[in-house]
PDB file of all heavy atoms in Angstrom:
ATOM      1  N   PRO A   1      24.332  16.563  12.040  1.00  0.00           N
ATOM      2  CA  PRO A   1      23.772  16.018  10.798  1.00  0.00           C
ATOM      3  C   PRO A   1      22.344  15.711  10.799  1.00  0.00           C
ATOM      4  O   PRO A   1      21.712  15.563  11.925  1.00  0.00           O
ATOM      5  CB  PRO A   1      24.646  14.693  10.656  1.00  0.00           C
ATOM      6  CG  PRO A   1      25.104  14.536  12.090  1.00  0.00           C
ATOM      7  CD  PRO A   1      25.110  15.808  12.783  1.00  0.00           C
ATOM      8  N   GLU A   2      21.641  15.771   9.598  1.00  0.00           N
ATOM      9  CA  GLU A   2      20.326  15.301   9.648  1.00  0.00           C
ATOM     10  C   GLU A   2      20.279  13.855   9.455  1.00  0.00           C
ATOM     11  O   GLU A   2      20.915  13.331   8.518  1.00  0.00           O
ATOM     12  CB  GLU A   2      19.624  16.016   8.395  1.00  0.00           C
ATOM     13  CG  GLU A   2      18.160  15.646   8.311  1.00  0.00           C
ATOM     14  CD  GLU A   2      17.443  16.199   7.010  1.00  0.00           C
ATOM     15  OE1 GLU A   2      18.135  17.196   6.492  1.00  0.00           O
ATOM     16  OE2 GLU A   2      16.477  15.741   6.637  1.00  0.00           O
ATOM     17  N   ILE A   3      19.605  13.150  10.340  1.00  0.00           N
ATOM     18  CA  ILE A   3      19.536  11.631  10.311  1.00  0.00           C
ATOM     19  C   ILE A   3      17.988  11.383  10.374  1.00  0.00           C
ATOM     20  O   ILE A   3      17.369  11.663  11.249  1.00  0.00           O
ATOM     21  CB  ILE A   3      20.226  11.059  11.570  1.00  0.00           C
ATOM     22  CG1 ILE A   3      21.751  11.500  11.567  1.00  0.00           C
ATOM     23  CG2 ILE A   3      20.120   9.541  11.470  1.00  0.00           C
ATOM     24  CD1 ILE A   3      22.447  11.168  12.853  1.00  0.00           C
ATOM     25  N   VAL A   4      17.565  10.658   9.339  1.00  0.00           N
ATOM     26  CA  VAL A   4      16.177  10.203   9.272  1.00  0.00           C
ATOM     27  C   VAL A   4      16.069   8.709   9.026  1.00  0.00           C
ATOM     28  O   VAL A   4      16.760   8.144   8.209  1.00  0.00           O
ATOM     29  CB  VAL A   4      15.520  11.005   8.027  1.00  0.00           C
ATOM     30  CG1 VAL A   4      13.995  10.550   7.876  1.00  0.00           C
ATOM     31  CG2 VAL A   4      15.664  12.447   8.122  1.00  0.00           C
ATOM     32  N   MET A   5      15.342   8.045   9.955  1.00  0.00           N
ATOM     33  CA  MET A   5      15.089   6.632   9.911  1.00  0.00           C
ATOM     34  C   MET A   5      13.758   6.312   9.502  1.00  0.00           C
ATOM     35  O   MET A   5      12.766   6.988  10.010  1.00  0.00           O
ATOM     36  CB  MET A   5      15.455   6.004  11.272  1.00  0.00           C
ATOM     37  CG  MET A   5      15.174   4.490  11.314  1.00  0.00           C
ATOM     38  SD  MET A   5      15.277   3.590  12.863  1.00  0.00           S
ATOM     39  CE  MET A   5      13.698   4.172  13.538  1.00  0.00           C
ATOM     40  N   GLU A   6      13.570   5.328   8.665  1.00  0.00           N
ATOM     41  CA  GLU A   6      12.386   4.599   8.246  1.00  0.00           C
ATOM     42  C   GLU A   6      12.462   3.159   8.603  1.00  0.00           C
ATOM     43  O   GLU A   6      13.462   2.625   8.356  1.00  0.00           O
ATOM     44  CB  GLU A   6      12.076   4.794   6.784  1.00  0.00           C
ATOM     45  CG  GLU A   6      11.879   6.110   6.319  1.00  0.00           C
ATOM     46  CD  GLU A   6      11.665   6.087   4.718  1.00  0.00           C
ATOM     47  OE1 GLU A   6      10.902   5.135   4.191  1.00  0.00           O
ATOM     48  OE2 GLU A   6      12.246   6.885   4.017  1.00  0.00           O
ATOM     49  N   ARG A   7      11.492   2.682   9.239  1.00  0.00           N
ATOM     50  CA  ARG A   7      11.425   1.191   9.652  1.00  0.00           C
ATOM     51  C   ARG A   7      10.126   0.708   9.213  1.00  0.00           C
ATOM     52  O   ARG A   7       9.091   1.265   9.566  1.00  0.00           O
ATOM     53  CB  ARG A   7      11.658   1.155  11.110  1.00  0.00           C
ATOM     54  CG  ARG A   7      11.824  -0.279  11.600  1.00  0.00           C
ATOM     55  CD  ARG A   7      12.126  -0.401  13.095  1.00  0.00           C
ATOM     56  NE  ARG A   7      12.449  -1.849  13.397  1.00  0.00           N
ATOM     57  CZ  ARG A   7      13.302  -2.105  14.441  1.00  0.00           C
ATOM     58  NH1 ARG A   7      13.787  -1.228  15.237  1.00  0.00           N
ATOM     59  NH2 ARG A   7      13.531  -3.355  14.713  1.00  0.00           N
ATOM     60  N   ASP A   8      10.187  -0.429   8.497  1.00  0.00           N
ATOM     61  CA  ASP A   8       9.001  -1.102   8.037  1.00  0.00           C
ATOM     62  C   ASP A   8       9.245  -2.637   8.204  1.00  0.00           C
ATOM     63  O   ASP A   8      10.383  -3.033   8.512  1.00  0.00           O
ATOM     64  CB  ASP A   8       8.717  -0.667   6.587  1.00  0.00           C
ATOM     65  CG  ASP A   8       7.165  -0.827   6.247  1.00  0.00           C
ATOM     66  OD1 ASP A   8       6.432  -1.446   6.977  1.00  0.00           O
ATOM     67  OD2 ASP A   8       6.842  -0.201   5.209  1.00  0.00           O
ATOM     68  N   ILE A   9       8.260  -3.355   7.755  1.00  0.00           N
ATOM     69  CA  ILE A   9       8.463  -4.871   7.773  1.00  0.00           C
ATOM     70  C   ILE A   9       9.652  -5.218   6.934  1.00  0.00           C
ATOM     71  O   ILE A   9       9.690  -4.842   5.685  1.00  0.00           O
ATOM     72  CB  ILE A   9       7.177  -5.555   7.357  1.00  0.00           C
ATOM     73  CG1 ILE A   9       5.976  -5.182   8.193  1.00  0.00           C
ATOM     74  CG2 ILE A   9       7.384  -7.010   7.159  1.00  0.00           C
ATOM     75  CD1 ILE A   9       4.722  -5.654   7.716  1.00  0.00           C
ATOM     76  N   GLY A  10      10.550  -5.787   7.542  1.00  0.00           N
ATOM     77  CA  GLY A  10      11.738  -6.277   6.808  1.00  0.00           C
ATOM     78  C   GLY A  10      12.853  -5.293   6.340  1.00  0.00           C
ATOM     79  O   GLY A  10      13.758  -5.642   5.539  1.00  0.00           O
ATOM     80  N   MET A  11      12.709  -4.088   6.766  1.00  0.00           N
ATOM     81  CA  MET A  11      13.738  -3.104   6.494  1.00  0.00           C
ATOM     82  C   MET A  11      13.874  -1.911   7.372  1.00  0.00           C
ATOM     83  O   MET A  11      12.904  -1.513   8.020  1.00  0.00           O
ATOM     84  CB  MET A  11      13.538  -2.489   5.052  1.00  0.00           C
ATOM     85  CG  MET A  11      12.413  -1.513   4.899  1.00  0.00           C
ATOM     86  SD  MET A  11      12.932   0.122   5.254  1.00  0.00           S
ATOM     87  CE  MET A  11      11.773   1.163   4.386  1.00  0.00           C
ATOM     88  N   ILE A  12      15.161  -1.414   7.449  1.00  0.00           N
ATOM     89  CA  ILE A  12      15.438  -0.203   8.204  1.00  0.00           C
ATOM     90  C   ILE A  12      16.200   0.681   7.111  1.00  0.00           C
ATOM     91  O   ILE A  12      17.259   0.183   6.659  1.00  0.00           O
ATOM     92  CB  ILE A  12      16.287  -0.421   9.466  1.00  0.00           C
ATOM     93  CG1 ILE A  12      15.481  -1.211  10.406  1.00  0.00           C
ATOM     94  CG2 ILE A  12      16.655   0.903  10.103  1.00  0.00           C
ATOM     95  CD1 ILE A  12      16.304  -1.903  11.630  1.00  0.00           C
ATOM     96  N   LYS A  13      15.865   1.859   7.009  1.00  0.00           N
ATOM     97  CA  LYS A  13      16.572   2.814   6.140  1.00  0.00           C
ATOM     98  C   LYS A  13      16.971   3.986   6.954  1.00  0.00           C
ATOM     99  O   LYS A  13      16.155   4.616   7.612  1.00  0.00           O
ATOM    100  CB  LYS A  13      15.716   3.187   4.952  1.00  0.00           C
ATOM    101  CG  LYS A  13      16.294   4.186   4.084  1.00  0.00           C
ATOM    102  CD  LYS A  13      15.356   4.523   2.844  1.00  0.00           C
ATOM    103  CE  LYS A  13      15.922   5.635   2.030  1.00  0.00           C
ATOM    104  NZ  LYS A  13      15.023   6.006   1.046  1.00  0.00           N
ATOM    105  N   VAL A  14      18.248   4.328   6.945  1.00  0.00           N
ATOM    106  CA  VAL A  14      18.798   5.490   7.677  1.00  0.00           C
ATOM    107  C   VAL A  14      19.455   6.406   6.677  1.00  0.00           C
ATOM    108  O   VAL A  14      20.482   6.037   5.968  1.00  0.00           O
ATOM    109  CB  VAL A  14      19.778   5.102   8.790  1.00  0.00           C
ATOM    110  CG1 VAL A  14      20.397   6.320   9.370  1.00  0.00           C
ATOM    111  CG2 VAL A  14      19.062   4.172   9.781  1.00  0.00           C
ATOM    112  N   ASP A  15      18.838   7.588   6.449  1.00  0.00           N
ATOM    113  CA  ASP A  15      19.440   8.618   5.583  1.00  0.00           C
ATOM    114  C   ASP A  15      20.140   9.757   6.347  1.00  0.00           C
ATOM    115  O   ASP A  15      19.564  10.161   7.361  1.00  0.00           O
ATOM    116  CB  ASP A  15      18.370   9.289   4.766  1.00  0.00           C
ATOM    117  CG  ASP A  15      17.720   8.476   3.618  1.00  0.00           C
ATOM    118  OD1 ASP A  15      18.591   7.904   2.867  1.00  0.00           O
ATOM    119  OD2 ASP A  15      16.566   8.336   3.441  1.00  0.00           O
ATOM    120  N   VAL A  16      21.349   9.959   5.944  1.00  0.00           N
ATOM    121  CA  VAL A  16      22.159  10.888   6.670  1.00  0.00           C
ATOM    122  C   VAL A  16      22.593  12.012   5.673  1.00  0.00           C
ATOM    123  O   VAL A  16      23.124  11.720   4.539  1.00  0.00           O
ATOM    124  CB  VAL A  16      23.476  10.248   7.245  1.00  0.00           C
ATOM    125  CG1 VAL A  16      24.380  11.293   7.926  1.00  0.00           C
ATOM    126  CG2 VAL A  16      23.126   9.136   8.236  1.00  0.00           C
ATOM    127  N   THR A  17      22.439  13.256   6.167  1.00  0.00           N
ATOM    128  CA  THR A  17      22.990  14.306   5.312  1.00  0.00           C
ATOM    129  C   THR A  17      23.878  15.212   6.302  1.00  0.00           C
ATOM    130  O   THR A  17      23.548  15.624   7.397  1.00  0.00           O
ATOM    131  CB  THR A  17      21.870  15.411   4.933  1.00  0.00           C
ATOM    132  OG1 THR A  17      20.987  14.609   4.054  1.00  0.00           O
ATOM    133  CG2 THR A  17      22.453  16.472   4.125  1.00  0.00           C
ATOM    134  N   LEU A  18      25.213  15.242   5.816  1.00  0.00           N
ATOM    135  CA  LEU A  18      26.320  15.773   6.598  1.00  0.00           C
ATOM    136  C   LEU A  18      26.900  17.021   5.895  1.00  0.00           C
ATOM    137  O   LEU A  18      27.299  16.983   4.784  1.00  0.00           O
ATOM    138  CB  LEU A  18      27.253  14.699   6.927  1.00  0.00           C
ATOM    139  CG  LEU A  18      28.590  15.120   7.598  1.00  0.00           C
ATOM    140  CD1 LEU A  18      28.328  15.443   9.063  1.00  0.00           C
ATOM    141  CD2 LEU A  18      29.582  13.928   7.518  1.00  0.00           C
ATOM    142  N   ASP A  19      26.989  18.123   6.579  1.00  0.00           N
ATOM    143  CA  ASP A  19      27.711  19.279   6.051  1.00  0.00           C
ATOM    144  C   ASP A  19      29.250  19.040   6.070  1.00  0.00           C
ATOM    145  O   ASP A  19      29.713  18.767   7.199  1.00  0.00           O
ATOM    146  CB  ASP A  19      27.306  20.516   6.907  1.00  0.00           C
ATOM    147  CG  ASP A  19      27.905  21.858   6.290  1.00  0.00           C
ATOM    148  OD1 ASP A  19      29.086  21.900   6.247  1.00  0.00           O
ATOM    149  OD2 ASP A  19      27.056  22.705   5.847  1.00  0.00           O
ATOM    150  N   ILE A  20      29.806  19.127   4.979  1.00  0.00           N
ATOM    151  CA  ILE A  20      31.311  18.991   4.984  1.00  0.00           C
ATOM    152  C   ILE A  20      32.128  20.171   4.610  1.00  0.00           C
ATOM    153  O   ILE A  20      33.212  20.086   4.192  1.00  0.00           O
ATOM    154  CB  ILE A  20      31.670  17.702   4.098  1.00  0.00           C
ATOM    155  CG1 ILE A  20      31.237  17.947   2.626  1.00  0.00           C
ATOM    156  CG2 ILE A  20      31.079  16.431   4.649  1.00  0.00           C
ATOM    157  CD1 ILE A  20      31.766  16.906   1.618  1.00  0.00           C
ATOM    158  N   THR A  21      31.568  21.356   4.734  1.00  0.00           N
ATOM    159  CA  THR A  21      32.159  22.606   4.296  1.00  0.00           C
ATOM    160  C   THR A  21      33.487  22.828   5.098  1.00  0.00           C
ATOM    161  O   THR A  21      34.331  23.537   4.567  1.00  0.00           O
ATOM    162  CB  THR A  21      31.296  23.834   4.489  1.00  0.00           C
ATOM    163  OG1 THR A  21      30.823  23.894   5.850  1.00  0.00           O
ATOM    164  CG2 THR A  21      30.165  23.820   3.472  1.00  0.00           C
ATOM    165  N   ASP A  22      33.607  22.380   6.272  1.00  0.00           N
ATOM    166  CA  ASP A  22      34.745  22.603   7.052  1.00  0.00           C
ATOM    167  C   ASP A  22      35.925  21.615   6.786  1.00  0.00           C
ATOM    168  O   ASP A  22      37.018  21.762   7.362  1.00  0.00           O
ATOM    169  CB  ASP A  22      34.456  22.518   8.601  1.00  0.00           C
ATOM    170  CG  ASP A  22      33.574  23.702   8.979  1.00  0.00           C
ATOM    171  OD1 ASP A  22      33.554  24.742   8.311  1.00  0.00           O
ATOM    172  OD2 ASP A  22      32.913  23.490  10.114  1.00  0.00           O
ATOM    173  N   LEU A  23      35.696  20.657   5.931  1.00  0.00           N
ATOM    174  CA  LEU A  23      36.688  19.680   5.723  1.00  0.00           C
ATOM    175  C   LEU A  23      37.514  20.134   4.451  1.00  0.00           C
ATOM    176  O   LEU A  23      37.001  20.705   3.577  1.00  0.00           O
ATOM    177  CB  LEU A  23      36.068  18.288   5.360  1.00  0.00           C
ATOM    178  CG  LEU A  23      35.287  17.774   6.619  1.00  0.00           C
ATOM    179  CD1 LEU A  23      34.674  16.453   6.283  1.00  0.00           C
ATOM    180  CD2 LEU A  23      36.213  17.495   7.816  1.00  0.00           C
ATOM    181  N   PRO A  24      38.774  19.692   4.440  1.00  0.00           N
ATOM    182  CA  PRO A  24      39.652  20.134   3.276  1.00  0.00           C
ATOM    183  C   PRO A  24      39.257  19.578   1.980  1.00  0.00           C
ATOM    184  O   PRO A  24      38.688  18.477   2.015  1.00  0.00           O
ATOM    185  CB  PRO A  24      41.000  19.791   3.793  1.00  0.00           C
ATOM    186  CG  PRO A  24      40.838  18.630   4.744  1.00  0.00           C
ATOM    187  CD  PRO A  24      39.532  18.956   5.372  1.00  0.00           C
ATOM    188  N   GLU A  25      39.576  20.254   0.868  1.00  0.00           N
ATOM    189  CA  GLU A  25      39.277  19.790  -0.445  1.00  0.00           C
ATOM    190  C   GLU A  25      40.437  18.640  -0.747  1.00  0.00           C
ATOM    191  O   GLU A  25      41.538  18.689  -0.324  1.00  0.00           O
ATOM    192  CB  GLU A  25      39.205  20.705  -1.460  1.00  0.00           C
ATOM    193  CG  GLU A  25      37.998  21.736  -1.254  1.00  0.00           C
ATOM    194  CD  GLU A  25      38.001  22.870  -2.286  1.00  0.00           C
ATOM    195  OE1 GLU A  25      38.999  22.996  -3.135  1.00  0.00           O
ATOM    196  OE2 GLU A  25      36.977  23.553  -2.243  1.00  0.00           O
ATOM    197  N   GLY A  26      40.052  17.775  -1.733  1.00  0.00           N
ATOM    198  CA  GLY A  26      40.998  16.899  -2.270  1.00  0.00           C
ATOM    199  C   GLY A  26      40.546  15.468  -2.336  1.00  0.00           C
ATOM    200  O   GLY A  26      39.334  15.200  -2.180  1.00  0.00           O
ATOM    201  N   PRO A  27      41.447  14.555  -2.617  1.00  0.00           N
ATOM    202  CA  PRO A  27      41.046  13.094  -2.817  1.00  0.00           C
ATOM    203  C   PRO A  27      40.693  12.515  -1.344  1.00  0.00           C
ATOM    204  O   PRO A  27      41.350  12.893  -0.409  1.00  0.00           O
ATOM    205  CB  PRO A  27      42.299  12.450  -3.326  1.00  0.00           C
ATOM    206  CG  PRO A  27      43.428  13.431  -3.151  1.00  0.00           C
ATOM    207  CD  PRO A  27      42.882  14.747  -2.950  1.00  0.00           C
ATOM    208  N   LEU A  28      39.653  11.735  -1.412  1.00  0.00           N
ATOM    209  CA  LEU A  28      39.230  11.120  -0.151  1.00  0.00           C
ATOM    210  C   LEU A  28      39.196   9.539  -0.301  1.00  0.00           C
ATOM    211  O   LEU A  28      38.914   9.038  -1.299  1.00  0.00           O
ATOM    212  CB  LEU A  28      37.678  11.465   0.144  1.00  0.00           C
ATOM    213  CG  LEU A  28      37.368  12.982   0.218  1.00  0.00           C
ATOM    214  CD1 LEU A  28      35.837  12.980   0.454  1.00  0.00           C
ATOM    215  CD2 LEU A  28      38.202  13.598   1.305  1.00  0.00           C
TER     216      LEU A  28
END
């Protein structure tokens, strides 16, 4: 997965992009 962190005064942001092509379709 692509994981990008930003850290600044008073905040941490973590953005994740995950490929889910191998997972079955349907309700989650």
